[in-house]
N, C-alpha and C. Protein backbone atom coordinates (compact mmCIF):
# COMPACT_ATOMS: atom_id res chain seq x y z
N MET A 1 66.48 118.08 130.33
CA MET A 1 65.88 118.32 129.00
C MET A 1 65.87 119.82 128.61
N HIS A 2 65.93 120.74 129.61
CA HIS A 2 66.10 122.10 129.30
C HIS A 2 67.35 122.38 128.48
N ASP A 3 68.40 121.77 128.90
CA ASP A 3 69.72 121.95 128.24
C ASP A 3 69.70 121.29 126.82
N VAL A 4 68.98 120.20 126.75
CA VAL A 4 68.88 119.47 125.47
C VAL A 4 68.13 120.32 124.47
N GLU A 5 67.01 120.93 124.91
CA GLU A 5 66.07 121.53 123.99
C GLU A 5 66.46 122.96 123.65
N LYS A 6 67.29 123.60 124.38
CA LYS A 6 67.64 125.00 124.09
C LYS A 6 68.42 125.18 122.78
N LYS A 7 68.30 126.43 122.19
CA LYS A 7 68.91 126.68 120.98
C LYS A 7 70.48 126.78 121.15
N ARG A 8 71.23 126.51 120.10
CA ARG A 8 72.64 126.64 120.12
C ARG A 8 73.09 127.60 119.07
N LYS A 9 74.14 128.35 119.33
CA LYS A 9 74.66 129.35 118.40
C LYS A 9 76.08 129.08 118.07
N LYS A 10 76.55 129.76 117.04
CA LYS A 10 77.95 129.64 116.60
C LYS A 10 78.86 130.36 117.71
N LEU A 11 79.78 129.63 118.18
CA LEU A 11 80.75 130.15 119.21
C LEU A 11 82.14 130.19 118.58
N SER A 12 83.01 130.97 119.18
CA SER A 12 84.34 131.07 118.65
C SER A 12 85.17 129.91 119.17
N GLY A 13 86.09 129.43 118.40
CA GLY A 13 86.90 128.35 118.85
C GLY A 13 86.26 126.98 118.75
N ARG A 14 87.06 125.96 119.12
CA ARG A 14 86.53 124.58 119.15
C ARG A 14 85.73 124.33 120.35
N ILE A 15 84.59 123.61 120.21
CA ILE A 15 83.67 123.32 121.28
C ILE A 15 83.84 121.85 121.62
N MET A 16 84.14 121.63 122.91
CA MET A 16 84.25 120.18 123.34
C MET A 16 82.85 119.72 123.85
N PHE A 17 82.48 118.52 123.40
CA PHE A 17 81.22 117.98 123.73
C PHE A 17 81.35 116.44 123.97
N PRO A 18 80.89 115.89 125.08
CA PRO A 18 80.39 116.55 126.25
C PRO A 18 81.50 117.02 127.17
N THR A 19 81.19 117.71 128.23
CA THR A 19 82.16 118.19 129.14
C THR A 19 82.03 117.71 130.54
N THR A 20 80.76 117.35 130.94
CA THR A 20 80.59 116.89 132.32
C THR A 20 79.99 115.48 132.49
N HIS A 21 79.99 114.78 131.32
CA HIS A 21 79.45 113.41 131.33
C HIS A 21 79.99 112.78 130.11
N ASP A 22 79.62 111.48 129.93
CA ASP A 22 80.05 110.77 128.71
C ASP A 22 78.86 110.52 127.80
N ILE A 23 79.14 110.01 126.58
CA ILE A 23 78.09 109.58 125.71
C ILE A 23 77.85 108.09 125.87
N THR A 24 76.73 107.74 126.29
CA THR A 24 76.48 106.33 126.58
C THR A 24 75.16 105.90 125.94
N PRO A 25 74.89 104.65 125.86
CA PRO A 25 73.55 104.23 125.22
C PRO A 25 72.40 104.81 125.91
N ASN A 26 72.50 105.11 127.26
CA ASN A 26 71.35 105.54 127.98
C ASN A 26 71.02 107.05 127.63
N ASN A 27 72.06 107.82 127.22
CA ASN A 27 71.80 109.26 126.98
C ASN A 27 72.08 109.64 125.53
N LEU A 28 72.30 108.60 124.65
CA LEU A 28 72.67 108.89 123.28
C LEU A 28 71.75 109.80 122.53
N ASP A 29 70.38 109.51 122.71
CA ASP A 29 69.36 110.30 121.97
C ASP A 29 69.47 111.80 122.33
N ALA A 30 69.68 112.11 123.54
CA ALA A 30 69.80 113.52 123.99
C ALA A 30 71.10 114.09 123.44
N CYS A 31 72.20 113.32 123.54
CA CYS A 31 73.43 113.81 123.03
C CYS A 31 73.40 114.07 121.50
N MET A 32 72.69 113.26 120.77
CA MET A 32 72.60 113.49 119.35
C MET A 32 71.83 114.77 119.05
N VAL A 33 70.85 115.11 119.77
CA VAL A 33 70.11 116.37 119.65
C VAL A 33 71.02 117.58 119.83
N VAL A 34 71.79 117.52 120.91
CA VAL A 34 72.70 118.70 121.25
C VAL A 34 73.85 118.78 120.21
N LEU A 35 74.41 117.62 119.91
CA LEU A 35 75.43 117.60 118.96
C LEU A 35 75.01 118.14 117.65
N GLY A 36 73.84 117.78 117.18
CA GLY A 36 73.29 118.17 115.92
C GLY A 36 73.07 119.67 115.89
N LYS A 37 72.58 120.24 116.97
CA LYS A 37 72.34 121.69 117.05
C LYS A 37 73.69 122.42 117.01
N LEU A 38 74.74 121.93 117.70
CA LEU A 38 76.00 122.59 117.71
C LEU A 38 76.69 122.60 116.26
N LEU A 39 76.54 121.45 115.60
CA LEU A 39 77.08 121.34 114.25
C LEU A 39 76.26 122.17 113.25
N GLU A 40 74.96 122.16 113.31
CA GLU A 40 74.15 122.95 112.44
C GLU A 40 74.36 124.44 112.57
N ALA A 41 74.77 124.82 113.73
CA ALA A 41 75.06 126.28 114.00
C ALA A 41 76.43 126.70 113.43
N GLY A 42 77.20 125.68 112.92
CA GLY A 42 78.46 126.05 112.31
C GLY A 42 79.68 125.88 113.23
N ASN A 43 79.43 125.24 114.38
CA ASN A 43 80.62 125.07 115.27
C ASN A 43 81.53 123.89 114.90
N GLU A 44 82.79 124.03 115.29
CA GLU A 44 83.68 123.00 115.18
C GLU A 44 83.66 122.22 116.50
N VAL A 45 83.30 120.92 116.49
CA VAL A 45 83.11 120.26 117.78
C VAL A 45 84.06 119.09 117.95
N LEU A 46 84.65 119.08 119.14
CA LEU A 46 85.51 117.93 119.55
C LEU A 46 84.74 117.00 120.42
N VAL A 47 84.36 115.84 119.88
CA VAL A 47 83.59 114.85 120.56
C VAL A 47 84.51 114.02 121.41
N VAL A 48 84.35 114.13 122.73
CA VAL A 48 85.22 113.42 123.69
C VAL A 48 84.46 112.28 124.39
N SER A 49 85.03 111.11 124.40
CA SER A 49 84.32 109.98 124.96
C SER A 49 85.23 108.77 125.32
N LYS A 50 84.79 108.01 126.31
CA LYS A 50 85.29 106.67 126.42
C LYS A 50 84.34 105.78 125.58
N PRO A 51 84.62 105.56 124.36
CA PRO A 51 83.59 105.27 123.37
C PRO A 51 82.96 103.92 123.41
N HIS A 52 81.62 103.95 123.39
CA HIS A 52 80.80 102.75 123.11
C HIS A 52 80.65 102.65 121.59
N PHE A 53 80.97 101.45 121.07
CA PHE A 53 81.03 101.35 119.61
C PHE A 53 79.69 101.72 118.91
N ASP A 54 78.57 101.22 119.49
CA ASP A 54 77.26 101.53 118.90
C ASP A 54 76.98 103.03 118.84
N CYS A 55 77.39 103.70 119.88
CA CYS A 55 77.20 105.16 119.93
C CYS A 55 78.01 105.87 118.88
N VAL A 56 79.26 105.42 118.78
CA VAL A 56 80.13 106.04 117.77
C VAL A 56 79.68 105.78 116.38
N LYS A 57 79.21 104.61 116.10
CA LYS A 57 78.72 104.25 114.79
C LYS A 57 77.54 105.18 114.38
N ARG A 58 76.60 105.40 115.38
CA ARG A 58 75.45 106.20 115.11
C ARG A 58 75.89 107.68 114.84
N ILE A 59 76.84 108.18 115.58
CA ILE A 59 77.31 109.47 115.35
C ILE A 59 77.93 109.69 113.92
N CYS A 60 78.70 108.71 113.54
CA CYS A 60 79.21 108.73 112.22
C CYS A 60 78.18 108.66 111.17
N ASP A 61 77.24 107.78 111.34
CA ASP A 61 76.14 107.65 110.35
C ASP A 61 75.34 108.87 110.22
N ASP A 62 74.93 109.47 111.33
CA ASP A 62 74.06 110.63 111.31
C ASP A 62 74.74 111.96 110.93
N PHE A 63 76.07 112.06 111.19
CA PHE A 63 76.76 113.33 111.01
C PHE A 63 77.82 113.22 109.97
N GLU A 64 77.74 112.29 109.10
CA GLU A 64 78.80 112.14 108.08
C GLU A 64 79.01 113.35 107.25
N ARG A 65 77.93 114.12 107.03
CA ARG A 65 78.07 115.39 106.21
C ARG A 65 78.98 116.38 106.91
N TYR A 66 79.31 116.19 108.13
CA TYR A 66 80.15 117.17 108.86
C TYR A 66 81.59 116.64 109.02
N ARG A 67 81.91 115.61 108.21
CA ARG A 67 83.20 114.95 108.33
C ARG A 67 84.29 115.77 107.79
N ASP A 68 84.07 116.46 106.70
CA ASP A 68 85.16 117.02 105.92
C ASP A 68 85.50 118.48 106.35
N LEU A 69 86.43 119.06 105.68
CA LEU A 69 86.85 120.33 105.88
C LEU A 69 85.70 121.35 105.62
N TYR A 70 85.59 122.38 106.43
CA TYR A 70 84.62 123.38 106.07
C TYR A 70 85.29 124.70 105.78
N GLU A 71 86.58 124.81 106.03
CA GLU A 71 87.32 125.99 105.71
C GLU A 71 88.80 125.66 105.42
N ILE A 72 89.26 126.18 104.32
CA ILE A 72 90.67 125.91 103.95
C ILE A 72 91.33 127.26 103.68
N ASP A 73 92.30 127.62 104.33
CA ASP A 73 93.04 128.91 104.14
C ASP A 73 94.55 128.60 104.31
N VAL A 74 95.29 128.97 103.32
CA VAL A 74 96.74 128.64 103.42
C VAL A 74 97.42 129.40 104.58
N ASP A 75 96.79 130.44 105.10
CA ASP A 75 97.38 131.21 106.19
C ASP A 75 96.95 130.71 107.54
N VAL A 76 96.00 129.80 107.65
CA VAL A 76 95.46 129.38 108.94
C VAL A 76 95.45 127.79 108.92
N ASN A 77 95.30 127.24 110.11
CA ASN A 77 95.18 125.77 110.24
C ASN A 77 93.89 125.31 109.60
N ARG A 78 93.88 124.15 109.06
CA ARG A 78 92.67 123.53 108.56
C ARG A 78 91.73 123.22 109.72
N GLN A 79 90.46 123.38 109.44
CA GLN A 79 89.51 123.25 110.50
C GLN A 79 88.47 122.23 110.01
N TYR A 80 88.08 121.35 110.92
CA TYR A 80 87.10 120.31 110.61
C TYR A 80 85.89 120.57 111.48
N ARG A 81 84.70 120.21 110.97
CA ARG A 81 83.47 120.40 111.72
C ARG A 81 83.34 119.46 112.85
N ILE A 82 83.91 118.28 112.77
CA ILE A 82 83.78 117.30 113.87
C ILE A 82 85.07 116.52 113.95
N ILE A 83 85.63 116.43 115.18
CA ILE A 83 86.84 115.68 115.48
C ILE A 83 86.49 114.82 116.69
N PHE A 84 86.95 113.61 116.68
CA PHE A 84 86.80 112.64 117.79
C PHE A 84 88.07 112.54 118.64
N ARG A 85 87.89 112.60 119.96
CA ARG A 85 88.99 112.27 120.79
C ARG A 85 88.47 111.23 121.85
N PHE A 86 89.14 110.08 121.77
CA PHE A 86 88.75 108.94 122.60
C PHE A 86 89.70 108.79 123.81
N THR A 87 89.16 108.65 125.01
CA THR A 87 90.06 108.48 126.16
C THR A 87 90.38 106.99 126.32
N ILE A 88 91.67 106.75 126.19
CA ILE A 88 92.16 105.32 126.28
C ILE A 88 93.50 105.42 127.12
N GLY A 89 93.38 105.19 128.39
CA GLY A 89 94.53 105.31 129.28
C GLY A 89 95.41 104.08 129.51
N ALA A 90 94.89 102.95 129.00
CA ALA A 90 95.66 101.69 129.16
C ALA A 90 95.09 100.72 128.25
N CYS A 91 95.82 99.64 127.93
CA CYS A 91 95.31 98.59 127.06
C CYS A 91 95.05 97.35 127.89
N ASP A 92 95.16 97.40 129.22
CA ASP A 92 94.83 96.25 130.10
C ASP A 92 93.48 96.47 130.64
N ASP A 93 92.53 95.51 130.30
CA ASP A 93 91.16 95.69 130.79
C ASP A 93 91.02 95.58 132.26
N GLN A 94 91.85 94.96 132.94
CA GLN A 94 91.78 94.85 134.40
C GLN A 94 92.08 96.24 135.02
N ILE A 95 92.99 96.98 134.46
CA ILE A 95 93.33 98.28 134.92
C ILE A 95 92.24 99.24 134.57
N LEU A 96 91.75 99.21 133.36
CA LEU A 96 90.62 100.07 132.97
C LEU A 96 89.37 99.85 133.81
N SER A 97 89.02 98.61 134.07
CA SER A 97 87.86 98.35 134.73
C SER A 97 87.97 98.79 136.25
N PHE A 98 89.18 98.85 136.76
CA PHE A 98 89.32 99.24 138.15
C PHE A 98 89.12 100.76 138.23
N TRP A 99 89.80 101.54 137.38
CA TRP A 99 89.79 102.99 137.44
C TRP A 99 88.53 103.58 136.78
N GLU A 100 88.03 102.88 135.86
CA GLU A 100 86.85 103.40 135.11
C GLU A 100 85.72 102.32 135.05
N PRO A 101 85.18 102.02 136.19
CA PRO A 101 84.15 100.92 136.23
C PRO A 101 82.96 101.24 135.34
N GLY A 102 82.55 100.27 134.55
CA GLY A 102 81.44 100.41 133.73
C GLY A 102 81.68 100.95 132.35
N ALA A 103 82.91 101.47 132.17
CA ALA A 103 83.36 102.04 130.85
C ALA A 103 83.71 100.92 129.87
N PRO A 104 83.76 101.18 128.61
CA PRO A 104 84.03 100.10 127.64
C PRO A 104 85.43 99.53 127.79
N SER A 105 85.57 98.35 127.26
CA SER A 105 86.89 97.59 127.26
C SER A 105 87.86 98.30 126.31
N TYR A 106 89.09 97.87 126.40
CA TYR A 106 90.03 98.40 125.45
C TYR A 106 89.72 98.02 124.02
N SER A 107 89.28 96.75 123.79
CA SER A 107 89.02 96.33 122.41
C SER A 107 87.93 97.13 121.87
N GLU A 108 86.88 97.46 122.67
CA GLU A 108 85.79 98.29 122.16
C GLU A 108 86.18 99.68 121.82
N ARG A 109 87.04 100.23 122.66
CA ARG A 109 87.55 101.66 122.45
C ARG A 109 88.41 101.64 121.13
N LYS A 110 89.30 100.65 121.03
CA LYS A 110 90.13 100.57 119.78
C LYS A 110 89.27 100.42 118.55
N ALA A 111 88.23 99.50 118.69
CA ALA A 111 87.38 99.31 117.49
C ALA A 111 86.66 100.57 117.09
N SER A 112 86.26 101.36 118.11
CA SER A 112 85.62 102.62 117.85
C SER A 112 86.54 103.60 117.13
N LEU A 113 87.77 103.69 117.63
CA LEU A 113 88.77 104.56 117.01
C LEU A 113 88.94 104.09 115.61
N LYS A 114 89.18 102.85 115.34
CA LYS A 114 89.40 102.33 113.99
C LYS A 114 88.24 102.62 113.07
N HIS A 115 87.03 102.49 113.57
CA HIS A 115 85.82 102.68 112.78
C HIS A 115 85.75 104.12 112.39
N VAL A 116 85.92 105.03 113.28
CA VAL A 116 85.89 106.50 113.00
C VAL A 116 86.94 106.80 111.90
N TYR A 117 88.13 106.33 112.18
CA TYR A 117 89.25 106.52 111.17
C TYR A 117 88.93 106.05 109.83
N GLN A 118 88.37 104.83 109.77
CA GLN A 118 88.05 104.18 108.48
C GLN A 118 86.90 105.01 107.76
N ARG A 119 86.03 105.61 108.54
CA ARG A 119 84.99 106.37 107.99
C ARG A 119 85.40 107.75 107.44
N GLY A 120 86.69 108.11 107.74
CA GLY A 120 87.22 109.33 107.20
C GLY A 120 87.18 110.56 108.11
N PHE A 121 86.81 110.30 109.33
CA PHE A 121 86.77 111.42 110.34
C PHE A 121 88.15 111.65 110.94
N GLN A 122 88.29 112.80 111.49
CA GLN A 122 89.56 113.17 112.15
C GLN A 122 89.53 112.55 113.58
N THR A 123 90.70 112.04 114.03
CA THR A 123 90.76 111.28 115.22
C THR A 123 91.97 111.70 116.10
N SER A 124 91.74 111.56 117.42
CA SER A 124 92.78 111.75 118.39
C SER A 124 92.50 110.88 119.59
N VAL A 125 93.53 110.75 120.47
CA VAL A 125 93.38 109.90 121.65
C VAL A 125 93.89 110.73 122.85
N SER A 126 93.19 110.56 123.94
CA SER A 126 93.63 111.11 125.22
C SER A 126 94.07 110.04 126.12
N ALA A 127 95.34 109.95 126.41
CA ALA A 127 95.80 109.01 127.49
C ALA A 127 96.19 109.86 128.69
N GLU A 128 95.19 110.67 129.04
CA GLU A 128 95.32 111.44 130.30
C GLU A 128 94.04 111.04 131.10
N PRO A 129 94.30 110.34 132.19
CA PRO A 129 95.54 109.94 132.72
C PRO A 129 96.08 108.58 132.11
N MET A 130 97.44 108.57 132.00
CA MET A 130 98.05 107.34 131.75
C MET A 130 97.87 106.34 132.96
N LEU A 131 97.22 105.24 132.75
CA LEU A 131 96.98 104.38 133.79
C LEU A 131 97.93 103.20 133.90
N ASP A 132 98.77 103.10 132.88
CA ASP A 132 99.71 101.98 132.78
C ASP A 132 100.95 102.43 132.05
N THR A 133 101.77 103.25 132.63
CA THR A 133 102.93 103.84 131.96
C THR A 133 103.98 102.77 131.63
N ALA A 134 103.95 101.66 132.34
CA ALA A 134 104.89 100.51 131.90
C ALA A 134 104.65 100.03 130.51
N ASN A 135 103.36 100.15 130.05
CA ASN A 135 102.99 99.67 128.72
C ASN A 135 102.59 100.80 127.82
N ILE A 136 103.03 102.00 128.07
CA ILE A 136 102.53 103.15 127.20
C ILE A 136 103.09 102.99 125.76
N ASP A 137 104.22 102.36 125.62
CA ASP A 137 104.78 102.19 124.30
C ASP A 137 103.94 101.30 123.46
N ALA A 138 103.39 100.24 124.11
CA ALA A 138 102.51 99.35 123.37
C ALA A 138 101.16 100.05 123.03
N LEU A 139 100.65 100.86 123.95
CA LEU A 139 99.47 101.62 123.68
C LEU A 139 99.59 102.60 122.45
N ILE A 140 100.71 103.32 122.46
CA ILE A 140 100.96 104.23 121.36
C ILE A 140 101.14 103.50 120.01
N SER A 141 101.88 102.46 120.08
CA SER A 141 102.16 101.72 118.82
C SER A 141 100.88 101.11 118.26
N ASP A 142 100.00 100.57 119.19
CA ASP A 142 98.76 100.00 118.74
C ASP A 142 97.72 100.95 118.20
N LEU A 143 97.67 102.21 118.70
CA LEU A 143 96.67 103.09 118.28
C LEU A 143 97.10 104.07 117.27
N SER A 144 98.36 104.37 117.12
CA SER A 144 98.88 105.33 116.20
C SER A 144 98.37 105.19 114.80
N PRO A 145 98.26 103.96 114.22
CA PRO A 145 97.83 103.86 112.87
C PRO A 145 96.41 104.44 112.57
N PHE A 146 95.60 104.70 113.70
CA PHE A 146 94.22 105.13 113.53
C PHE A 146 94.10 106.55 114.06
N VAL A 147 95.13 107.29 114.23
CA VAL A 147 95.09 108.65 114.70
C VAL A 147 95.57 109.59 113.65
N THR A 148 94.68 110.55 113.28
CA THR A 148 95.03 111.57 112.30
C THR A 148 95.60 112.81 112.93
N ASP A 149 95.30 113.05 114.26
CA ASP A 149 95.71 114.21 114.95
C ASP A 149 96.80 113.98 115.98
N LYS A 150 96.41 113.81 117.27
CA LYS A 150 97.45 113.64 118.32
C LYS A 150 97.02 112.56 119.27
N ILE A 151 98.05 112.03 120.00
CA ILE A 151 97.86 111.23 121.13
C ILE A 151 98.37 112.07 122.34
N TRP A 152 97.43 112.42 123.24
CA TRP A 152 97.81 113.29 124.34
C TRP A 152 98.17 112.43 125.58
N LEU A 153 99.29 112.68 126.18
CA LEU A 153 99.69 111.97 127.40
C LEU A 153 99.71 112.91 128.58
N GLY A 154 99.23 112.32 129.71
CA GLY A 154 99.18 113.12 130.96
C GLY A 154 99.24 112.21 132.19
N LYS A 155 99.58 112.78 133.27
CA LYS A 155 99.60 111.99 134.56
C LYS A 155 98.26 111.89 135.17
N LEU A 156 98.13 110.97 136.14
CA LEU A 156 96.92 110.89 136.93
C LEU A 156 97.20 111.76 138.15
N ASN A 157 96.34 112.85 138.25
CA ASN A 157 96.56 113.82 139.27
C ASN A 157 95.63 113.55 140.51
N HIS A 158 95.83 114.30 141.60
CA HIS A 158 94.97 114.32 142.78
C HIS A 158 94.92 112.95 143.39
N LEU A 159 96.05 112.28 143.47
CA LEU A 159 96.06 110.89 144.16
C LEU A 159 95.93 111.09 145.65
N GLY A 160 96.39 112.20 146.22
CA GLY A 160 96.40 112.36 147.69
C GLY A 160 95.03 112.08 148.33
N PRO A 161 93.99 112.79 147.86
CA PRO A 161 92.66 112.55 148.50
C PRO A 161 92.20 111.09 148.41
N LEU A 162 92.63 110.35 147.32
CA LEU A 162 92.20 108.97 147.21
C LEU A 162 92.80 108.09 148.31
N LYS A 163 93.89 108.51 148.85
CA LYS A 163 94.57 107.66 149.82
C LYS A 163 93.81 107.67 151.17
N LYS A 164 93.01 108.73 151.40
CA LYS A 164 92.26 108.77 152.69
C LYS A 164 91.21 107.72 152.73
N GLY A 165 91.34 106.79 153.61
CA GLY A 165 90.39 105.69 153.72
C GLY A 165 90.49 104.64 152.67
N ALA A 166 91.52 104.62 151.93
CA ALA A 166 91.66 103.65 150.82
C ALA A 166 91.83 102.28 151.42
N ASP A 167 91.19 101.31 150.76
CA ASP A 167 91.35 99.91 151.16
C ASP A 167 92.63 99.39 150.62
N PRO A 168 93.06 98.21 151.02
CA PRO A 168 94.43 97.72 150.62
C PRO A 168 94.56 97.61 149.13
N TYR A 169 93.49 97.22 148.38
CA TYR A 169 93.62 97.06 146.95
C TYR A 169 93.71 98.39 146.27
N LEU A 170 92.92 99.39 146.71
CA LEU A 170 93.06 100.72 146.13
C LEU A 170 94.42 101.28 146.39
N MET A 171 94.90 101.11 147.63
CA MET A 171 96.30 101.61 147.89
C MET A 171 97.31 100.99 147.00
N GLN A 172 97.17 99.70 146.78
CA GLN A 172 98.10 98.99 145.95
C GLN A 172 98.12 99.56 144.55
N GLU A 173 96.87 99.89 144.04
CA GLU A 173 96.84 100.47 142.63
C GLU A 173 97.34 101.90 142.65
N ILE A 174 97.12 102.68 143.71
CA ILE A 174 97.69 104.03 143.78
C ILE A 174 99.19 103.99 143.75
N ARG A 175 99.78 103.03 144.50
CA ARG A 175 101.25 102.93 144.57
C ARG A 175 101.79 102.50 143.16
N ARG A 176 101.07 101.65 142.45
CA ARG A 176 101.53 101.28 141.14
C ARG A 176 101.47 102.49 140.24
N ILE A 177 100.50 103.31 140.32
CA ILE A 177 100.46 104.48 139.49
C ILE A 177 101.64 105.49 139.85
N GLU A 178 101.81 105.61 141.09
CA GLU A 178 102.84 106.52 141.60
C GLU A 178 104.24 106.04 141.10
N ARG A 179 104.49 104.81 141.22
CA ARG A 179 105.76 104.31 140.69
C ARG A 179 105.94 104.51 139.21
N GLY A 180 104.89 104.45 138.53
CA GLY A 180 104.92 104.60 137.09
C GLY A 180 105.04 106.02 136.54
N GLN A 181 104.73 106.98 137.44
CA GLN A 181 104.76 108.39 137.00
C GLN A 181 105.69 109.33 137.85
N THR A 182 106.79 108.66 138.26
CA THR A 182 107.86 109.48 138.96
C THR A 182 108.45 110.39 137.94
N ASP A 183 109.12 111.39 138.37
CA ASP A 183 109.77 112.33 137.36
C ASP A 183 110.66 111.62 136.49
N ALA A 184 111.35 110.58 136.99
CA ALA A 184 112.34 109.87 136.12
C ALA A 184 111.63 109.07 135.07
N SER A 185 110.47 108.46 135.45
CA SER A 185 109.68 107.70 134.45
C SER A 185 109.10 108.60 133.41
N ILE A 186 108.61 109.74 133.82
CA ILE A 186 107.98 110.70 132.92
C ILE A 186 109.03 111.23 131.91
N LYS A 187 110.19 111.55 132.42
CA LYS A 187 111.27 112.11 131.59
C LYS A 187 111.69 111.03 130.61
N ALA A 188 111.72 109.82 130.99
CA ALA A 188 112.10 108.72 130.07
C ALA A 188 111.07 108.58 128.92
N ILE A 189 109.82 108.68 129.21
CA ILE A 189 108.77 108.62 128.21
C ILE A 189 108.89 109.86 127.27
N TYR A 190 109.16 111.01 127.86
CA TYR A 190 109.32 112.22 127.06
C TYR A 190 110.56 112.10 126.07
N ARG A 191 111.64 111.51 126.62
CA ARG A 191 112.79 111.32 125.67
C ARG A 191 112.44 110.42 124.51
N ARG A 192 111.60 109.46 124.77
CA ARG A 192 111.30 108.49 123.68
C ARG A 192 110.46 109.09 122.62
N TYR A 193 109.58 110.03 123.05
CA TYR A 193 108.51 110.56 122.09
C TYR A 193 108.60 112.04 121.83
N SER A 194 109.65 112.77 122.30
CA SER A 194 109.77 114.16 122.12
C SER A 194 109.87 114.58 120.67
N ASP A 195 110.33 113.69 119.82
CA ASP A 195 110.48 114.02 118.34
C ASP A 195 109.28 113.37 117.59
N ASN A 196 108.41 112.71 118.24
CA ASN A 196 107.26 112.10 117.55
C ASN A 196 106.17 113.13 117.37
N PRO A 197 105.82 113.50 116.17
CA PRO A 197 104.84 114.60 115.87
C PRO A 197 103.45 114.19 116.31
N ILE A 198 103.14 112.98 116.48
CA ILE A 198 101.79 112.53 116.80
C ILE A 198 101.54 112.65 118.39
N VAL A 199 102.61 112.74 119.17
CA VAL A 199 102.47 112.74 120.60
C VAL A 199 102.53 114.17 121.15
N GLU A 200 101.56 114.47 122.04
CA GLU A 200 101.50 115.78 122.69
C GLU A 200 101.47 115.59 124.17
N TRP A 201 101.85 116.64 124.94
CA TRP A 201 102.08 116.55 126.31
C TRP A 201 101.08 117.46 127.07
N LYS A 202 100.39 116.92 128.05
CA LYS A 202 99.50 117.72 128.92
C LYS A 202 100.30 118.46 129.96
N ASP A 203 99.64 119.40 130.64
CA ASP A 203 100.35 120.30 131.54
C ASP A 203 101.12 119.55 132.63
N SER A 204 100.55 118.43 133.08
CA SER A 204 101.23 117.63 134.16
C SER A 204 102.55 117.13 133.80
N ILE A 205 102.75 116.86 132.44
CA ILE A 205 104.04 116.34 131.94
C ILE A 205 104.88 117.51 131.58
N GLN A 206 104.38 118.54 131.10
CA GLN A 206 105.13 119.73 130.66
C GLN A 206 105.89 120.34 131.89
N ARG A 207 105.22 120.31 132.99
CA ARG A 207 105.92 120.82 134.23
C ARG A 207 107.10 120.02 134.64
N VAL A 208 106.96 118.67 134.49
CA VAL A 208 108.07 117.78 134.84
C VAL A 208 109.29 117.94 133.95
N VAL A 209 109.01 118.08 132.61
CA VAL A 209 110.13 118.06 131.68
C VAL A 209 110.57 119.50 131.30
N GLY A 210 109.92 120.52 131.84
CA GLY A 210 110.31 121.89 131.67
C GLY A 210 110.10 122.39 130.33
N ILE A 211 108.92 122.13 129.71
CA ILE A 211 108.48 122.76 128.43
C ILE A 211 107.28 123.56 128.57
């Protein structure tokens, strides 16, 4: 509560919120307080979440006044007071529930993205990590109509420590991920989307493709 109640000031650059937890029904009230203070101080806030629809709807309802541009200059990029970035690493609920237990289903995440988009907010997607590279084309195709900014693609890192003491099912899933993000697989994805202005590449992919 100390962090919730403290004053917030205008900071330089875009502020990501939250950074060490997600926005869930259990902590939504506290998140709304902090988000409100950040916005009222004049910050540009990137709201990052594996979205719960009811939480997203309340954010849209309560902070609609921060939806639009607050600064337009022909010499600089347009800036928005609030931008949403939803983490959606796969469209297969079985895969999502394994790697992200307790997080919303794909349909709820997509519905949240669509809702925010239809309300006129700026939207982006983080597919970092990609949890199902075999179906990344379907994911991009399905979500692109509701993205105003970017879809970020990245690998699942730090798999080594997960292998220690892994049970057979976890090891099976790790091997599936590894097969899907070999250098050859990543380069193939890059070739398909290198000219697509909506797709951006995280460091883990930039290192593989040499950009």
